[in-house]
Amino acid sequence: MAAFNRGYRQKVIDDYLNKTGRNFFIPAEFIEWLSDKPGHRVYSVFFGKSDEEAAHEYRLSLARQFVSGLRVKITVTPQMAASSPHIAVTVREPTTFRVPAFMSPVSERGNGGGYVPTDLSETEGTTELYRQAAGSLAAWLSRYGDIARLAGCDVAAVERACGALTTAGTIEGVEEAA
């Protein structure tokens, strides 16, 4: 479905509404209307798979929704440097972070995607989480930043966090943070 841009999808729906005389879209009626039109330009999107394949994809979607948003608490313990008379070591309490238990790498979504366990000891996974977090904050700023400012909120901290995550989302940024 991602292959069809918004304008194309709008034309398909407008055409359906015009041909049926409807003034609003009801998904079940659209599917029923489309079911006997194998020559329609989007027929294969909805009927191009067997019921078994479609049911399997639906179950995969349910599984993705089921795991979405799960978080795992992890404890990060500072690494102790080798003892030396010239190195000052400061010991701090371990910090607890909440991170997603599973993540869906963007690079794999075009191939059907899926979720993989989060492993913060692995640079590629950590980089992916930084990229996704930066993208989510940037999207929030784009959509709600001015509304927050209108309400009197200072979004500068969110903008700084977005910038830090964007930098950390690069391989160089992850290596610098390590």
Protein backbone atom coordinates (compact mmCIF):
# COMPACT_ATOMS: atom_id res chain seq x y z
CA MET A 1 0.00 0.00 0.00
CA ALA A 2 2.98 2.29 0.61
CA ALA A 3 3.69 2.18 -3.13
CA PHE A 4 0.63 4.35 -3.74
CA ASN A 5 1.12 7.98 -2.81
CA ARG A 6 -1.60 9.97 -1.11
CA GLY A 7 -2.77 11.70 -4.30
CA TYR A 8 -3.19 8.41 -6.14
CA ARG A 9 -5.15 6.87 -3.26
CA GLN A 10 -7.34 9.98 -3.12
CA LYS A 11 -8.14 9.62 -6.84
CA VAL A 12 -9.10 5.97 -6.35
CA ILE A 13 -11.45 6.81 -3.49
CA ASP A 14 -12.91 9.84 -5.28
CA ASP A 15 -13.56 7.65 -8.32
CA TYR A 16 -15.27 5.02 -6.13
CA LEU A 17 -17.46 7.63 -4.42
CA ASN A 18 -18.44 9.19 -7.77
CA LYS A 19 -19.29 5.83 -9.34
CA THR A 20 -21.36 4.66 -6.36
CA GLY A 21 -22.99 8.00 -5.58
CA ARG A 22 -21.81 7.77 -1.96
CA ASN A 23 -20.77 10.88 -0.09
CA PHE A 24 -18.63 9.11 2.51
CA PHE A 25 -16.29 6.14 2.56
CA ILE A 26 -17.29 2.87 4.27
CA PRO A 27 -14.43 0.34 4.02
CA ALA A 28 -16.65 -2.77 3.95
CA GLU A 29 -18.75 -1.34 1.12
CA PHE A 30 -15.62 -0.37 -0.84
CA ILE A 31 -14.22 -3.92 -0.55
CA GLU A 32 -17.56 -5.42 -1.62
CA TRP A 33 -17.77 -3.01 -4.59
CA LEU A 34 -14.18 -3.80 -5.62
CA SER A 35 -14.52 -7.59 -5.23
CA ASP A 36 -16.05 -8.14 -8.69
CA LYS A 37 -13.74 -5.74 -10.55
CA PRO A 38 -10.53 -7.69 -11.26
CA GLY A 39 -9.50 -5.10 -13.87
CA HIS A 40 -9.57 -2.20 -11.38
CA ARG A 41 -6.18 -0.57 -10.77
CA VAL A 42 -6.14 -1.43 -7.03
CA TYR A 43 -7.92 -4.80 -7.18
CA SER A 44 -4.67 -6.69 -6.60
CA VAL A 45 -3.95 -4.68 -3.44
CA PHE A 46 -7.03 -6.13 -1.77
CA PHE A 47 -7.55 -9.39 -3.66
CA GLY A 48 -4.08 -10.24 -4.99
CA LYS A 49 -3.40 -12.76 -2.21
CA SER A 50 -5.13 -15.93 -1.18
CA ASP A 51 -7.26 -15.77 1.94
CA GLU A 52 -4.61 -17.86 3.70
CA GLU A 53 -1.83 -15.39 2.77
CA ALA A 54 -3.98 -12.40 3.74
CA ALA A 55 -4.87 -14.03 7.07
CA HIS A 56 -1.18 -14.69 7.75
CA GLU A 57 -0.28 -11.06 7.02
CA TYR A 58 -3.13 -9.92 9.27
CA ARG A 59 -1.81 -12.14 12.09
CA LEU A 60 1.68 -10.69 11.58
CA SER A 61 0.18 -7.22 11.88
CA LEU A 62 -1.58 -8.26 15.09
CA ALA A 63 1.70 -9.64 16.47
CA ARG A 64 3.48 -6.35 15.64
CA GLN A 65 0.73 -4.39 17.39
CA PHE A 66 0.95 -6.79 20.36
CA VAL A 67 4.66 -6.15 20.91
CA SER A 68 4.60 -2.46 19.99
CA GLY A 69 5.48 -0.16 22.88
CA LEU A 70 6.88 -2.82 25.20
CA ARG A 71 9.71 -1.61 27.39
CA VAL A 72 12.43 -3.37 29.33
CA LYS A 73 14.33 -1.90 32.24
CA ILE A 74 18.06 -2.30 32.01
CA THR A 75 20.79 -1.31 34.41
CA VAL A 76 23.92 0.26 33.02
CA THR A 77 26.96 -0.22 35.20
CA PRO A 78 29.92 2.09 34.57
CA GLN A 79 33.05 0.36 33.31
CA MET A 80 35.91 0.56 35.79
CA ALA A 81 39.24 1.69 34.39
CA ALA A 82 42.40 -0.26 35.12
CA SER A 83 43.92 0.87 38.39
CA SER A 84 46.70 3.37 37.95
CA PRO A 85 48.07 6.07 40.25
CA HIS A 86 47.36 8.67 37.52
CA ILE A 87 43.70 7.84 36.88
CA ALA A 88 40.94 9.20 39.07
CA VAL A 89 37.90 6.94 39.14
CA THR A 90 34.50 8.17 40.20
CA VAL A 91 31.96 5.52 41.07
CA ARG A 92 28.34 6.43 40.58
CA GLU A 93 25.13 4.56 41.23
CA PRO A 94 23.98 2.51 38.24
CA THR A 95 21.44 4.32 36.10
CA THR A 96 18.23 2.60 35.01
CA PHE A 97 16.84 3.32 31.55
CA ARG A 98 13.59 2.18 29.96
CA VAL A 99 14.09 1.14 26.35
CA PRO A 100 11.93 -0.81 23.90
CA ALA A 101 12.20 -4.57 24.44
CA PHE A 102 12.00 -5.05 20.68
CA MET A 103 12.55 -2.77 17.75
CA SER A 104 11.63 -2.84 14.09
CA PRO A 105 14.67 -1.81 12.01
CA VAL A 106 13.57 0.63 9.30
CA SER A 107 15.94 -0.95 6.77
CA GLU A 108 14.06 -4.27 7.02
CA ARG A 109 10.52 -2.89 6.71
CA GLY A 110 10.54 -2.97 2.91
CA ASN A 111 11.16 -6.73 3.06
CA GLY A 112 8.28 -7.44 5.42
CA GLY A 113 10.09 -6.18 8.48
CA GLY A 114 9.67 -7.69 11.86
CA TYR A 115 10.86 -7.07 15.36
CA VAL A 116 14.22 -7.95 16.84
CA PRO A 117 15.22 -7.96 20.51
CA THR A 118 16.89 -4.74 21.60
CA ASP A 119 20.59 -5.23 22.29
CA LEU A 120 22.30 -2.06 23.50
CA SER A 121 25.70 -3.75 23.49
CA GLU A 122 25.45 -3.87 19.69
CA THR A 123 26.27 -0.55 17.95
CA GLU A 124 23.96 -1.02 14.94
CA GLY A 125 20.90 -1.61 17.14
CA THR A 126 21.71 1.33 19.39
CA THR A 127 22.23 3.55 16.36
CA GLU A 128 18.85 2.45 14.98
CA LEU A 129 17.13 3.34 18.27
CA TYR A 130 18.77 6.78 18.29
CA ARG A 131 17.63 7.36 14.69
CA GLN A 132 14.06 6.29 15.43
CA ALA A 133 13.91 8.40 18.61
CA ALA A 134 15.26 11.44 16.74
CA GLY A 135 12.73 10.88 13.96
CA SER A 136 9.85 10.64 16.43
CA LEU A 137 10.90 13.83 18.22
CA ALA A 138 11.37 15.65 14.92
CA ALA A 139 7.91 14.53 13.82
CA TRP A 140 6.44 15.70 17.13
CA LEU A 141 8.18 19.07 16.81
CA SER A 142 6.95 19.46 13.25
CA ARG A 143 3.38 18.62 14.15
CA TYR A 144 3.00 20.02 17.69
CA GLY A 145 5.97 22.34 18.33
CA ASP A 146 4.08 25.52 17.47
CA ILE A 147 1.03 24.36 19.45
CA ALA A 148 3.29 23.84 22.47
CA ARG A 149 4.83 27.29 21.96
CA LEU A 150 1.33 28.77 21.66
CA ALA A 151 0.53 27.20 25.05
CA GLY A 152 3.63 28.88 26.49
CA CYS A 153 5.90 25.84 26.50
CA ASP A 154 9.62 26.18 25.88
CA VAL A 155 10.43 23.41 23.41
CA ALA A 156 14.14 24.22 23.34
CA ALA A 157 14.94 21.14 25.45
CA VAL A 158 13.05 18.92 22.99
CA GLU A 159 14.93 20.53 20.09
CA ARG A 160 18.26 19.91 21.88
CA ALA A 161 17.29 16.30 22.61
CA CYS A 162 16.36 15.81 18.95
CA GLY A 163 19.72 17.23 17.87
CA ALA A 164 21.63 15.06 20.36
CA LEU A 165 19.77 11.94 19.22
CA THR A 166 20.40 12.80 15.57
CA THR A 167 24.11 13.14 16.29
CA ALA A 168 24.13 9.97 18.41
CA GLY A 169 22.33 8.20 15.56
CA THR A 170 25.41 8.47 13.37
CA ILE A 171 28.17 5.90 13.66
CA GLU A 172 30.60 8.67 14.62
CA GLY A 173 28.22 9.90 17.32
CA VAL A 174 27.88 6.41 18.82
CA GLU A 175 31.65 5.96 18.83
CA GLU A 176 32.09 9.34 20.54
CA ALA A 177 29.51 8.43 23.20
CA ALA A 178 31.21 5.07 23.92
